């Protein structure tokens, strides 16, 4: 099982603890699941955090020069 799946399951498990709060808890489960997925992908090396914060026109770090 990859770290992305583990992170997703961890986020969903934490969100499930808040499930009994109603629709707001449903949104919390989705947000924590997405956060867990991102952390897992980062740990696996499949995600570069610079890609998330760099703008489209920003060419810093572009290796195709």
N, C-alpha and C. Protein backbone atom coordinates (compact mmCIF):
# COMPACT_ATOMS: atom_id res chain seq x y z
N UNK A 1 0.86 -1.17 0.00
CA UNK A 1 0.00 0.00 0.00
C UNK A 1 0.91 1.23 0.00
N UNK A 2 0.64 2.15 -0.91
CA UNK A 2 1.48 3.34 -1.02
C UNK A 2 1.17 4.32 0.11
N UNK A 3 2.11 5.24 0.32
CA UNK A 3 1.93 6.25 1.36
C UNK A 3 0.76 7.18 1.03
N UNK A 4 0.45 7.36 -0.25
CA UNK A 4 -0.69 8.19 -0.63
C UNK A 4 -1.99 7.57 -0.12
N UNK A 5 -2.11 6.26 -0.24
CA UNK A 5 -3.31 5.58 0.24
C UNK A 5 -3.37 5.62 1.76
N UNK A 6 -2.23 5.44 2.40
CA UNK A 6 -2.18 5.51 3.86
C UNK A 6 -2.58 6.90 4.33
N UNK A 7 -2.08 7.92 3.66
CA UNK A 7 -2.44 9.30 4.03
C UNK A 7 -3.91 9.57 3.82
N UNK A 8 -4.46 9.05 2.72
CA UNK A 8 -5.88 9.22 2.45
C UNK A 8 -6.71 8.55 3.54
N UNK A 9 -6.34 7.33 3.90
CA UNK A 9 -7.08 6.61 4.94
C UNK A 9 -6.95 7.29 6.30
N UNK A 10 -5.79 7.84 6.59
CA UNK A 10 -5.60 8.55 7.86
C UNK A 10 -6.48 9.80 7.92
N UNK A 11 -6.52 10.55 6.82
CA UNK A 11 -7.37 11.74 6.79
C UNK A 11 -8.84 11.40 6.89
N UNK A 12 -9.26 10.33 6.22
CA UNK A 12 -10.65 9.91 6.30
C UNK A 12 -11.00 9.40 7.70
N UNK A 13 -10.05 8.72 8.33
CA UNK A 13 -10.29 8.24 9.69
C UNK A 13 -10.44 9.38 10.68
N UNK A 14 -9.60 10.40 10.54
CA UNK A 14 -9.74 11.57 11.41
C UNK A 14 -11.06 12.30 11.15
N UNK A 15 -11.43 12.39 9.90
CA UNK A 15 -12.70 13.04 9.57
C UNK A 15 -13.89 12.23 10.05
N UNK A 16 -13.77 10.89 10.02
CA UNK A 16 -14.87 10.04 10.48
C UNK A 16 -15.15 10.25 11.95
N UNK A 17 -14.12 10.61 12.71
CA UNK A 17 -14.32 10.89 14.13
C UNK A 17 -15.25 12.08 14.33
N UNK A 18 -15.27 12.98 13.36
CA UNK A 18 -16.14 14.16 13.45
C UNK A 18 -17.45 13.97 12.69
N UNK A 19 -17.70 12.78 12.17
CA UNK A 19 -18.86 12.51 11.32
C UNK A 19 -20.18 12.83 12.00
N UNK A 20 -20.25 12.61 13.28
CA UNK A 20 -21.52 12.77 13.97
C UNK A 20 -21.95 14.22 14.11
N UNK A 21 -21.24 15.14 13.46
CA UNK A 21 -21.58 16.56 13.52
C UNK A 21 -22.50 17.02 12.40
N UNK A 22 -22.86 16.17 11.43
CA UNK A 22 -23.76 16.56 10.35
C UNK A 22 -23.02 16.85 9.05
N UNK A 23 -23.65 17.74 8.22
CA UNK A 23 -23.09 18.04 6.91
C UNK A 23 -21.73 18.70 7.00
N UNK A 24 -21.54 19.53 8.02
CA UNK A 24 -20.23 20.16 8.22
C UNK A 24 -19.14 19.11 8.42
N UNK A 25 -19.50 18.04 9.10
CA UNK A 25 -18.54 16.94 9.30
C UNK A 25 -18.23 16.25 7.97
N UNK A 26 -19.23 16.13 7.09
CA UNK A 26 -18.99 15.56 5.77
C UNK A 26 -17.94 16.37 5.02
N UNK A 27 -18.05 17.68 5.08
CA UNK A 27 -17.07 18.54 4.43
C UNK A 27 -15.70 18.39 5.08
N UNK A 28 -15.69 18.22 6.39
CA UNK A 28 -14.44 18.03 7.10
C UNK A 28 -13.77 16.72 6.68
N UNK A 29 -14.56 15.67 6.51
CA UNK A 29 -14.02 14.38 6.05
C UNK A 29 -13.39 14.55 4.67
N UNK A 30 -14.05 15.24 3.78
CA UNK A 30 -13.51 15.44 2.43
C UNK A 30 -12.22 16.26 2.47
N UNK A 31 -12.20 17.31 3.28
CA UNK A 31 -11.01 18.16 3.37
C UNK A 31 -9.83 17.40 3.98
N UNK A 32 -10.08 16.66 5.05
CA UNK A 32 -9.01 15.90 5.68
C UNK A 32 -8.53 14.77 4.79
N UNK A 33 -9.43 14.18 4.03
CA UNK A 33 -9.02 13.15 3.08
C UNK A 33 -8.13 13.71 2.00
N UNK A 34 -8.47 14.88 1.48
CA UNK A 34 -7.64 15.52 0.46
C UNK A 34 -6.28 15.92 1.04
N UNK A 35 -6.28 16.43 2.25
CA UNK A 35 -5.02 16.80 2.90
C UNK A 35 -4.16 15.56 3.13
N UNK A 36 -4.76 14.48 3.58
CA UNK A 36 -4.03 13.24 3.77
C UNK A 36 -3.47 12.71 2.46
N UNK A 37 -4.21 12.83 1.40
CA UNK A 37 -3.74 12.41 0.08
C UNK A 37 -2.54 13.24 -0.36
N UNK A 38 -2.59 14.55 -0.17
CA UNK A 38 -1.48 15.41 -0.55
C UNK A 38 -0.23 15.09 0.26
N UNK A 39 -0.39 14.88 1.56
CA UNK A 39 0.76 14.55 2.40
C UNK A 39 1.35 13.21 1.98
N UNK A 40 0.51 12.24 1.71
CA UNK A 40 0.98 10.94 1.28
C UNK A 40 1.71 11.00 -0.04
N UNK A 41 1.19 11.77 -0.98
CA UNK A 41 1.87 11.91 -2.28
C UNK A 41 3.20 12.62 -2.13
N UNK A 42 3.27 13.60 -1.21
CA UNK A 42 4.53 14.29 -0.95
C UNK A 42 5.56 13.32 -0.36
N UNK A 43 5.15 12.50 0.58
CA UNK A 43 6.06 11.53 1.20
C UNK A 43 6.53 10.51 0.17
N UNK A 44 5.66 10.11 -0.75
CA UNK A 44 6.04 9.18 -1.81
C UNK A 44 6.98 9.82 -2.83
N UNK A 45 7.04 11.15 -2.87
CA UNK A 45 7.88 11.83 -3.84
C UNK A 45 7.16 12.12 -5.14
N UNK A 46 5.85 11.92 -5.18
CA UNK A 46 5.06 12.16 -6.39
C UNK A 46 4.59 13.60 -6.52
N UNK A 47 4.81 14.41 -5.48
CA UNK A 47 4.29 15.77 -5.46
C UNK A 47 5.41 16.72 -5.07
N UNK A 48 5.60 17.77 -5.87
CA UNK A 48 6.56 18.82 -5.55
C UNK A 48 5.77 20.02 -5.05
N UNK A 49 6.03 20.43 -3.80
CA UNK A 49 5.26 21.53 -3.23
C UNK A 49 5.46 22.83 -3.99
N UNK A 50 6.59 22.99 -4.66
CA UNK A 50 6.83 24.17 -5.47
C UNK A 50 5.82 24.31 -6.60
N UNK A 51 5.35 23.17 -7.11
CA UNK A 51 4.34 23.19 -8.18
C UNK A 51 3.03 23.78 -7.69
N UNK A 52 2.72 23.60 -6.42
CA UNK A 52 1.45 24.12 -5.88
C UNK A 52 1.48 25.62 -5.69
N UNK A 53 2.66 26.18 -5.39
CA UNK A 53 2.75 27.60 -5.04
C UNK A 53 3.33 28.46 -6.14
N UNK A 54 3.80 27.86 -7.22
CA UNK A 54 4.39 28.61 -8.33
C UNK A 54 3.28 28.95 -9.32
N UNK A 55 3.29 30.18 -9.81
CA UNK A 55 2.30 30.60 -10.79
C UNK A 55 2.55 29.98 -12.15
N UNK A 56 1.59 30.08 -13.04
CA UNK A 56 1.72 29.50 -14.38
C UNK A 56 2.84 30.14 -15.18
N UNK A 57 2.98 31.46 -15.07
CA UNK A 57 3.98 32.17 -15.85
C UNK A 57 5.36 32.16 -15.24
N UNK A 58 5.48 31.63 -14.03
CA UNK A 58 6.75 31.62 -13.33
C UNK A 58 7.64 30.51 -13.90
N UNK A 59 8.80 30.89 -14.42
CA UNK A 59 9.68 29.90 -15.05
C UNK A 59 10.84 29.50 -14.15
N UNK A 60 10.89 29.99 -12.92
CA UNK A 60 11.96 29.57 -12.01
C UNK A 60 11.82 28.07 -11.75
N UNK A 61 12.92 27.39 -11.82
CA UNK A 61 12.91 25.95 -11.59
C UNK A 61 12.57 25.16 -12.83
N UNK A 62 12.28 25.83 -13.93
CA UNK A 62 11.97 25.14 -15.17
C UNK A 62 13.28 24.66 -15.79
N UNK A 63 13.42 23.37 -16.00
CA UNK A 63 14.68 22.80 -16.47
C UNK A 63 14.76 22.75 -17.99
N UNK A 64 13.79 23.27 -18.69
CA UNK A 64 13.78 23.20 -20.16
C UNK A 64 14.42 24.40 -20.80
N UNK A 65 15.23 25.15 -20.12
CA UNK A 65 15.83 26.37 -20.67
C UNK A 65 16.81 26.07 -21.74
